[in-house]
Amino acid sequence: MTKKATFGAGCFWGVEAAFRQTNGVIKTRVGYAGGELENPTYEDVCSHTTGHAEVVEVTYDDQQVSYDDLLDVFWRKHDPTQLNRQGWDIGDQYRSVVFFHDDEQRTAAERSKER
């Protein structure tokens, strides 16, 4: 079955590349999530007034890759201990975040964060 997952782990281009290389990922889409402005621009998000994070929406076949496997890619792709940054990219839009699409994803994400 086709499902979606959404992750923020720094600049979305590098994160997207990591997920694209994952077997079972059908499609990726970059954008902004978690903020208060509908359809923000890059300039809006960089103003640090909207609350958005750069994210990658991952469409995947759960018969080929599990959500837990995608969480492993997420954790390996970045350093979640760097508050509001990844490497040279600094700002709250680069924060580490998982947006879950259902209760099962929420439980798995919380469990993986604890590990």
Protein backbone atom coordinates (compact mmCIF):
# COMPACT_ATOMS: atom_id res chain seq x y z
CA MET A 1 0.00 0.00 0.00
CA THR A 2 1.19 3.53 -0.75
CA LYS A 3 1.68 5.77 2.30
CA LYS A 4 3.16 9.18 3.11
CA ALA A 5 5.70 10.30 5.68
CA THR A 6 7.03 13.82 6.36
CA PHE A 7 10.43 14.69 7.82
CA GLY A 8 12.43 17.84 8.51
CA ALA A 9 16.17 17.39 9.02
CA GLY A 10 17.90 20.53 7.76
CA CYS A 11 17.94 21.85 4.22
CA PHE A 12 15.34 19.82 2.35
CA TRP A 13 17.48 19.20 -0.75
CA GLY A 14 19.97 16.94 1.03
CA VAL A 15 17.23 15.20 2.98
CA GLU A 16 15.26 14.62 -0.20
CA ALA A 17 18.29 13.07 -1.90
CA ALA A 18 18.71 10.58 0.96
CA PHE A 19 15.09 9.45 0.74
CA ARG A 20 15.13 9.26 -3.06
CA GLN A 21 17.92 6.69 -2.82
CA THR A 22 15.87 4.49 -0.49
CA ASN A 23 14.31 1.38 -2.06
CA GLY A 24 10.54 1.51 -1.78
CA VAL A 25 10.32 5.30 -1.97
CA ILE A 26 8.07 6.17 -4.89
CA LYS A 27 8.13 9.95 -4.81
CA THR A 28 9.46 12.87 -2.77
CA ARG A 29 8.26 16.45 -2.52
CA VAL A 30 9.92 19.33 -0.69
CA GLY A 31 8.18 22.23 1.01
CA TYR A 32 7.40 23.87 4.32
CA ALA A 33 5.27 22.60 7.22
CA GLY A 34 4.39 23.36 10.80
CA GLY A 35 3.84 27.08 10.48
CA GLU A 36 0.99 29.52 10.64
CA LEU A 37 1.11 31.06 7.16
CA GLU A 38 -0.65 29.30 4.30
CA ASN A 39 1.61 28.78 1.24
CA PRO A 40 4.69 30.59 2.56
CA THR A 41 7.50 31.65 0.25
CA TYR A 42 11.17 31.01 0.90
CA GLU A 43 11.50 34.65 1.97
CA ASP A 44 8.57 34.26 4.39
CA VAL A 45 10.14 31.22 6.02
CA CYS A 46 13.59 32.86 6.23
CA SER A 47 12.02 35.77 8.13
CA HIS A 48 11.66 33.38 11.11
CA THR A 49 8.16 34.68 11.75
CA THR A 50 6.05 31.89 10.23
CA GLY A 51 7.12 28.88 12.32
CA HIS A 52 7.68 26.64 9.30
CA ALA A 53 10.32 23.96 8.89
CA GLU A 54 11.83 22.76 5.62
CA VAL A 55 10.44 19.26 5.07
CA VAL A 56 10.36 16.37 2.66
CA GLU A 57 7.14 14.49 2.06
CA VAL A 58 7.96 10.89 1.19
CA THR A 59 5.50 8.68 -0.68
CA TYR A 60 6.47 5.05 -0.15
CA ASP A 61 5.33 1.48 -0.70
CA ASP A 62 5.04 -0.06 2.76
CA GLN A 63 5.45 -3.52 1.23
CA GLN A 64 9.00 -2.55 0.18
CA VAL A 65 10.10 -0.22 3.00
CA SER A 66 8.74 0.23 6.49
CA TYR A 67 8.11 3.49 8.29
CA ASP A 68 10.73 2.38 10.83
CA ASP A 69 13.25 2.09 7.96
CA LEU A 70 12.39 5.64 6.89
CA LEU A 71 12.89 6.82 10.47
CA ASP A 72 16.35 5.22 10.37
CA VAL A 73 17.17 7.25 7.23
CA PHE A 74 15.90 10.38 8.98
CA TRP A 75 18.07 9.88 12.09
CA ARG A 76 21.18 8.94 10.06
CA LYS A 77 20.83 11.92 7.72
CA HIS A 78 21.30 14.63 10.34
CA ASP A 79 22.43 15.50 13.85
CA PRO A 80 19.26 16.17 15.87
CA THR A 81 21.31 17.62 18.74
CA GLN A 82 22.14 20.72 16.67
CA LEU A 83 19.37 23.09 17.68
CA ASN A 84 17.83 24.90 14.70
CA ARG A 85 20.65 24.10 12.31
CA GLN A 86 22.40 21.49 10.22
CA GLY A 87 25.99 22.26 9.37
CA TRP A 88 26.20 25.65 7.69
CA ASP A 89 22.42 26.02 7.52
CA ILE A 90 21.28 27.98 10.57
CA GLY A 91 17.71 28.92 11.45
CA ASP A 92 14.57 27.50 12.99
CA GLN A 93 13.42 26.30 9.55
CA TYR A 94 16.23 23.69 9.67
CA ARG A 95 15.06 22.07 12.90
CA SER A 96 14.70 18.33 13.38
CA VAL A 97 11.03 17.35 13.17
CA VAL A 98 8.75 14.47 12.24
CA PHE A 99 5.20 15.22 11.09
CA PHE A 100 3.20 12.03 11.47
CA HIS A 101 0.17 11.16 9.35
CA ASP A 102 -1.52 8.72 11.74
CA ASP A 103 -1.31 7.27 15.25
CA GLU A 104 0.85 4.36 14.10
CA GLN A 105 3.47 6.78 12.75
CA ARG A 106 3.27 8.85 15.92
CA THR A 107 3.96 5.82 18.10
CA ALA A 108 6.84 4.67 15.87
CA ALA A 109 8.37 8.18 15.76
CA GLU A 110 8.18 8.58 19.54
CA ARG A 111 9.70 5.12 20.05
CA SER A 112 12.56 5.88 17.65
CA LYS A 113 13.23 9.23 19.35
CA GLU A 114 13.57 7.47 22.70
CA ARG A 115 16.13 5.06 21.20
